[in-house]
Amino acid sequence: MVVGKTEVQAPLSEKWVLSRLNIPSPGTIASYRYGQYHLHETATECRVYLDRYDPREHPILHPADDAPLVLMVIDTLAALTSGPRKPESPY
C-alpha cells in the first residue's frame, strides 16, 4: 500500500520501531516495523508491506519467505569464503 505523506495526519505510534536491518528500496529515508507490517518512508510517500513472518518472532522463516535476497547474499558469501572443493579421487 502506498500513502502520500500529505495524507498522513498523525505521526506513527510508539509501537512502530525503527528497523535498522533491511534492504531499502530506492529513495528510502527510514524503515519501520510493527509486527508483520514493514513501512518504508520516502520523501513523498510511505510504502507499507505485510510480511508473512515477523522477523523478531521467526528469524529463520522471515528471510526465507519475505526476504529471499538476504539468503541469496548469505549463501553467496558462504560459497566465496568456504574455499575451493577438493577434487574427488577417481579410485
C-alpha atoms as a PDB file:
ATOM      1  CA  MET A   1       0.000   0.000   0.000  1.00  0.00           C
ATOM      2  CA  VAL A   2       1.344   3.437  -0.872  1.00  0.00           C
ATOM      3  CA  VAL A   3       0.201   6.507   1.061  1.00  0.00           C
ATOM      4  CA  GLY A   4       1.258  10.038   0.149  1.00  0.00           C
ATOM      5  CA  LYS A   5       2.930  11.866   3.042  1.00  0.00           C
ATOM      6  CA  THR A   6       0.457  14.732   2.666  1.00  0.00           C
ATOM      7  CA  GLU A   7      -2.332  12.261   3.520  1.00  0.00           C
ATOM      8  CA  VAL A   8      -0.708  11.198   6.801  1.00  0.00           C
ATOM      9  CA  GLN A   9      -2.341  13.235   9.562  1.00  0.00           C
ATOM     10  CA  ALA A  10      -0.662  11.788  12.666  1.00  0.00           C
ATOM     11  CA  PRO A  11       2.818  10.519  13.494  1.00  0.00           C
ATOM     12  CA  LEU A  12       3.440   6.794  13.841  1.00  0.00           C
ATOM     13  CA  SER A  13       2.542   5.353  17.222  1.00  0.00           C
ATOM     14  CA  GLU A  14       5.295   4.232  19.576  1.00  0.00           C
ATOM     15  CA  LYS A  15       4.501   0.632  18.567  1.00  0.00           C
ATOM     16  CA  TRP A  16       6.331   1.219  15.278  1.00  0.00           C
ATOM     17  CA  VAL A  17      10.058   0.566  15.765  1.00  0.00           C
ATOM     18  CA  LEU A  18      12.877   1.889  13.592  1.00  0.00           C
ATOM     19  CA  SER A  19      14.245  -1.048  11.595  1.00  0.00           C
ATOM     20  CA  ARG A  20      17.985  -0.894  11.075  1.00  0.00           C
ATOM     21  CA  LEU A  21      18.342  -4.244   9.301  1.00  0.00           C
ATOM     22  CA  ASN A  22      16.596  -4.192   5.953  1.00  0.00           C
ATOM     23  CA  ILE A  23      17.232  -3.877   2.273  1.00  0.00           C
ATOM     24  CA  PRO A  24      15.776  -0.456   1.484  1.00  0.00           C
ATOM     25  CA  SER A  25      14.009   0.326  -1.715  1.00  0.00           C
ATOM     26  CA  PRO A  26      15.320   3.296  -3.736  1.00  0.00           C
ATOM     27  CA  GLY A  27      14.695   6.620  -2.021  1.00  0.00           C
ATOM     28  CA  THR A  28      14.073   5.137   1.416  1.00  0.00           C
ATOM     29  CA  ILE A  29      14.739   7.628   4.229  1.00  0.00           C
ATOM     30  CA  ALA A  30      13.789   5.303   7.077  1.00  0.00           C
ATOM     31  CA  SER A  31      12.231   1.918   7.635  1.00  0.00           C
ATOM     32  CA  TYR A  32       9.924   0.934  10.497  1.00  0.00           C
ATOM     33  CA  ARG A  33       8.366  -2.307  11.720  1.00  0.00           C
ATOM     34  CA  TYR A  34       5.244  -3.153  13.669  1.00  0.00           C
ATOM     35  CA  GLY A  35       4.840  -6.917  13.862  1.00  0.00           C
ATOM     36  CA  GLN A  36       4.362  -8.196  10.331  1.00  0.00           C
ATOM     37  CA  TYR A  37       3.994  -4.674   8.902  1.00  0.00           C
ATOM     38  CA  HIS A  38       7.032  -3.057   7.310  1.00  0.00           C
ATOM     39  CA  LEU A  39       6.984   0.624   6.340  1.00  0.00           C
ATOM     40  CA  HIS A  40       9.457   2.358   4.023  1.00  0.00           C
ATOM     41  CA  GLU A  41       9.382   6.150   4.294  1.00  0.00           C
ATOM     42  CA  THR A  42      10.490   8.228   1.298  1.00  0.00           C
ATOM     43  CA  ALA A  43      10.476  11.987   0.777  1.00  0.00           C
ATOM     44  CA  THR A  44       6.971  11.926  -0.722  1.00  0.00           C
ATOM     45  CA  GLU A  45       5.254   8.734   0.426  1.00  0.00           C
ATOM     46  CA  CYS A  46       5.075   5.828   2.831  1.00  0.00           C
ATOM     47  CA  ARG A  47       5.049   2.291   1.454  1.00  0.00           C
ATOM     48  CA  VAL A  48       3.591  -0.335   3.774  1.00  0.00           C
ATOM     49  CA  TYR A  49       4.194  -4.043   3.227  1.00  0.00           C
ATOM     50  CA  LEU A  50       2.719  -7.006   5.048  1.00  0.00           C
ATOM     51  CA  ASP A  51       5.356  -9.642   5.688  1.00  0.00           C
ATOM     52  CA  ARG A  52       4.265 -13.208   6.150  1.00  0.00           C
ATOM     53  CA  TYR A  53       6.507 -13.603   9.211  1.00  0.00           C
ATOM     54  CA  ASP A  54       7.529 -11.113  11.893  1.00  0.00           C
ATOM     55  CA  PRO A  55      11.359 -11.231  11.890  1.00  0.00           C
ATOM     56  CA  ARG A  56      11.525 -10.962  15.691  1.00  0.00           C
ATOM     57  CA  GLU A  57       9.269 -13.978  16.170  1.00  0.00           C
ATOM     58  CA  HIS A  58      10.516 -16.010  13.188  1.00  0.00           C
ATOM     59  CA  PRO A  59      14.148 -15.027  12.447  1.00  0.00           C
ATOM     60  CA  ILE A  60      14.642 -18.023  10.118  1.00  0.00           C
ATOM     61  CA  LEU A  61      11.292 -18.094   8.313  1.00  0.00           C
ATOM     62  CA  HIS A  62      11.249 -14.340   7.662  1.00  0.00           C
ATOM     63  CA  PRO A  63      14.328 -14.200   5.395  1.00  0.00           C
ATOM     64  CA  ALA A  64      13.379 -17.478   3.718  1.00  0.00           C
ATOM     65  CA  ASP A  65       9.883 -16.302   2.749  1.00  0.00           C
ATOM     66  CA  ASP A  66       9.775 -12.493   2.975  1.00  0.00           C
ATOM     67  CA  ALA A  67      13.368 -11.563   2.124  1.00  0.00           C
ATOM     68  CA  PRO A  68      14.919 -14.300  -0.062  1.00  0.00           C
ATOM     69  CA  LEU A  69      17.520 -11.839  -1.360  1.00  0.00           C
ATOM     70  CA  VAL A  70      19.087 -11.848   2.116  1.00  0.00           C
ATOM     71  CA  LEU A  71      19.513 -15.627   1.988  1.00  0.00           C
ATOM     72  CA  MET A  72      20.968 -15.412  -1.508  1.00  0.00           C
ATOM     73  CA  VAL A  73      23.593 -12.904  -0.327  1.00  0.00           C
ATOM     74  CA  ILE A  74      24.447 -15.067   2.714  1.00  0.00           C
ATOM     75  CA  ASP A  75      24.761 -18.192   0.539  1.00  0.00           C
ATOM     76  CA  THR A  76      26.974 -16.358  -1.945  1.00  0.00           C
ATOM     77  CA  LEU A  77      29.267 -15.072   0.804  1.00  0.00           C
ATOM     78  CA  ALA A  78      29.462 -18.542   2.347  1.00  0.00           C
ATOM     79  CA  ALA A  79      30.375 -20.057  -1.016  1.00  0.00           C
ATOM     80  CA  LEU A  80      33.051 -17.442  -1.652  1.00  0.00           C
ATOM     81  CA  THR A  81      34.657 -17.813   1.770  1.00  0.00           C
ATOM     82  CA  SER A  82      34.495 -21.606   2.072  1.00  0.00           C
ATOM     83  CA  GLY A  83      37.311 -22.136  -0.427  1.00  0.00           C
ATOM     84  CA  PRO A  84      37.527 -24.469  -3.403  1.00  0.00           C
ATOM     85  CA  ARG A  85      36.356 -28.057  -3.211  1.00  0.00           C
ATOM     86  CA  LYS A  86      38.937 -30.793  -3.322  1.00  0.00           C
ATOM     87  CA  PRO A  87      38.597 -32.975  -6.394  1.00  0.00           C
ATOM     88  CA  GLU A  88      37.299 -36.458  -5.702  1.00  0.00           C
ATOM     89  CA  SER A  89      39.712 -39.299  -6.220  1.00  0.00           C
ATOM     90  CA  PRO A  90      38.878 -41.447  -9.268  1.00  0.00           C
ATOM     91  CA  TYR A  91      39.826 -44.583  -7.254  1.00  0.00           C
END
